[in-house]
Amino acid sequence: MPWRRSRRRAAVADRRPGPGPRWLLLGIVLVVALFVGSGVLDRHVPTSAERISSLEASVKCPSCQDLSVAQSTSPSSLAVRSQIVAGVRRGQSDEQIVAGLRARYGTEVELTPTGGLSAILWIVPVLLLVAVVLAVIVGARRRRAGP
């Protein structure tokens, strides 16, 4: 009897959870993973040697092409290294040390540029991700509402 089958299917369909809880759970897991992976909970204070190493890796050798101060052995990179060590020993922040290097060698001294095109390259993927998530949410709501 066909009407019994349709009642059974309707009863089974009524017991199935909708897609909402799964999407909510996926969203919560994603947010928690991003929060934990971002390092916000990391309370490690870098030592002077770690700060020096990090600064040397992020500062470009003034006379080399696309090499950090840590990778180069040129006289100019040795001079920059000594400036970094002296700045850390004086108690300057990383920003102050980099600002001093920028003032002396120009903005090209940084291996990772801060602004302009690089800022756009970081912001656009985040905006695309937000747009995709919003499109999925709107699509799911329209599908639930039905024709």
Protein backbone atom coordinates (compact mmCIF):
# COMPACT_ATOMS: atom_id res chain seq x y z
CA MET A 1 0.00 0.00 0.00
CA PRO A 2 1.57 3.22 -1.17
CA TRP A 3 0.01 5.44 1.46
CA ARG A 4 1.76 3.47 4.25
CA ARG A 5 5.15 3.99 2.66
CA SER A 6 4.62 7.72 2.35
CA ARG A 7 3.55 7.92 6.01
CA ARG A 8 6.67 6.01 7.04
CA ARG A 9 8.88 8.27 4.96
CA ALA A 10 7.21 11.34 6.39
CA ALA A 11 7.66 10.01 9.93
CA VAL A 12 11.34 9.24 9.30
CA ALA A 13 11.86 12.65 7.70
CA ASP A 14 10.30 14.32 10.73
CA ARG A 15 12.75 12.55 13.08
CA ARG A 16 15.87 13.52 11.12
CA PRO A 17 17.69 16.57 12.42
CA GLY A 18 17.86 19.48 10.02
CA PRO A 19 21.08 20.87 8.62
CA GLY A 20 21.10 23.69 11.19
CA PRO A 21 22.76 21.85 14.11
CA ARG A 22 25.47 20.41 11.86
CA TRP A 23 26.34 23.84 10.44
CA LEU A 24 26.30 25.36 13.90
CA LEU A 25 28.62 22.65 15.23
CA LEU A 26 30.94 23.08 12.24
CA GLY A 27 31.01 26.83 12.82
CA ILE A 28 31.82 26.43 16.51
CA VAL A 29 34.63 23.97 15.76
CA LEU A 30 36.04 26.33 13.12
CA VAL A 31 35.98 29.34 15.46
CA VAL A 32 37.61 27.39 18.30
CA ALA A 33 40.29 26.00 15.97
CA LEU A 34 41.10 29.46 14.62
CA PHE A 35 41.19 30.92 18.13
CA VAL A 36 43.52 28.24 19.48
CA GLY A 37 45.69 28.22 16.36
CA SER A 38 46.11 31.99 16.37
CA GLY A 39 48.35 31.85 19.43
CA VAL A 40 46.17 34.17 21.51
CA LEU A 41 46.48 31.80 24.45
CA ASP A 42 50.29 31.65 24.16
CA ARG A 43 51.79 33.55 27.09
CA HIS A 44 55.44 32.98 26.07
CA VAL A 45 57.57 36.10 26.50
CA PRO A 46 60.47 35.96 24.03
CA THR A 47 64.00 36.12 25.37
CA SER A 48 66.52 38.66 24.08
CA ALA A 49 68.14 36.01 21.87
CA GLU A 50 64.75 35.07 20.39
CA ARG A 51 63.93 38.72 19.71
CA ILE A 52 67.31 39.27 18.05
CA SER A 53 66.89 36.17 15.92
CA SER A 54 63.37 37.16 14.90
CA LEU A 55 64.42 40.70 13.99
CA GLU A 56 67.43 39.48 12.01
CA ALA A 57 65.17 37.13 10.05
CA SER A 58 62.66 39.88 9.24
CA VAL A 59 65.12 42.62 8.25
CA LYS A 60 66.56 42.67 4.74
CA CYS A 61 70.28 43.03 4.12
CA PRO A 62 70.80 46.55 2.71
CA SER A 63 73.37 45.49 0.10
CA CYS A 64 72.00 42.04 -0.78
CA GLN A 65 69.10 41.03 -2.96
CA ASP A 66 66.24 39.34 -1.08
CA LEU A 67 68.37 38.00 1.78
CA SER A 68 67.71 38.61 5.42
CA VAL A 69 70.38 39.94 7.73
CA ALA A 70 70.49 36.50 9.36
CA GLN A 71 71.32 34.83 6.02
CA SER A 72 73.95 37.31 4.82
CA THR A 73 77.58 37.78 5.84
CA SER A 74 78.15 41.09 4.05
CA PRO A 75 79.59 44.03 6.01
CA SER A 76 76.32 45.97 5.80
CA SER A 77 74.35 43.05 7.25
CA LEU A 78 76.88 42.75 10.09
CA ALA A 79 76.36 46.45 10.82
CA VAL A 80 72.59 45.97 10.89
CA ARG A 81 72.97 42.96 13.20
CA SER A 82 75.03 45.03 15.63
CA GLN A 83 72.34 47.75 15.56
CA ILE A 84 69.68 45.15 16.36
CA VAL A 85 71.69 43.70 19.25
CA ALA A 86 72.41 47.18 20.62
CA GLY A 87 68.73 48.13 20.40
CA VAL A 88 67.62 45.01 22.26
CA ARG A 89 70.26 45.59 24.96
CA ARG A 90 69.08 49.22 25.35
CA GLY A 91 65.57 47.92 25.98
CA GLN A 92 63.98 49.22 22.80
CA SER A 93 60.89 47.53 21.46
CA ASP A 94 60.99 45.65 18.15
CA GLU A 95 59.00 48.46 16.54
CA GLN A 96 61.50 51.08 17.71
CA ILE A 97 64.43 49.06 16.40
CA VAL A 98 62.78 48.55 12.99
CA ALA A 99 61.82 52.24 12.86
CA GLY A 100 65.47 53.19 13.45
CA LEU A 101 66.60 50.83 10.70
CA ARG A 102 63.91 52.23 8.37
CA ALA A 103 65.13 55.77 9.09
CA ARG A 104 68.72 54.83 8.29
CA TYR A 105 68.27 52.40 5.35
CA GLY A 106 64.81 53.23 3.97
CA THR A 107 61.54 51.30 3.86
CA GLU A 108 63.09 48.55 1.73
CA VAL A 109 64.85 47.21 4.81
CA GLU A 110 61.80 45.16 5.82
CA LEU A 111 61.35 41.76 4.20
CA THR A 112 57.61 41.78 4.98
CA PRO A 113 56.16 45.12 3.88
CA THR A 114 53.58 46.70 6.16
CA GLY A 115 50.80 48.24 4.15
CA GLY A 116 49.87 49.01 0.61
CA LEU A 117 49.51 45.93 -1.56
CA SER A 118 50.41 43.45 1.20
CA ALA A 119 47.54 44.69 3.36
CA ILE A 120 45.14 44.15 0.46
CA LEU A 121 46.51 40.65 -0.08
CA TRP A 122 45.68 39.78 3.54
CA ILE A 123 42.26 41.46 3.65
CA VAL A 124 40.76 40.16 0.38
CA PRO A 125 40.81 36.43 1.31
CA VAL A 126 39.17 37.20 4.66
CA LEU A 127 36.44 39.20 2.93
CA LEU A 128 35.91 36.38 0.43
CA LEU A 129 35.57 33.87 3.27
CA VAL A 130 32.98 36.05 4.98
CA ALA A 131 31.07 36.43 1.69
CA VAL A 132 31.03 32.65 1.14
CA VAL A 133 29.81 31.99 4.68
CA LEU A 134 27.04 34.58 4.28
CA ALA A 135 26.05 33.08 0.91
CA VAL A 136 25.81 29.60 2.46
CA ILE A 137 23.68 30.90 5.33
CA VAL A 138 21.34 32.81 3.01
CA GLY A 139 21.06 29.79 0.69
CA ALA A 140 20.27 27.47 3.59
CA ARG A 141 17.55 29.81 4.88
CA ARG A 142 15.97 30.10 1.43
CA ARG A 143 16.01 26.33 1.04
CA ARG A 144 14.28 25.90 4.41
CA ALA A 145 11.64 28.48 3.58
CA GLY A 146 10.80 26.61 0.38
CA PRO A 147 8.84 27.83 -2.63
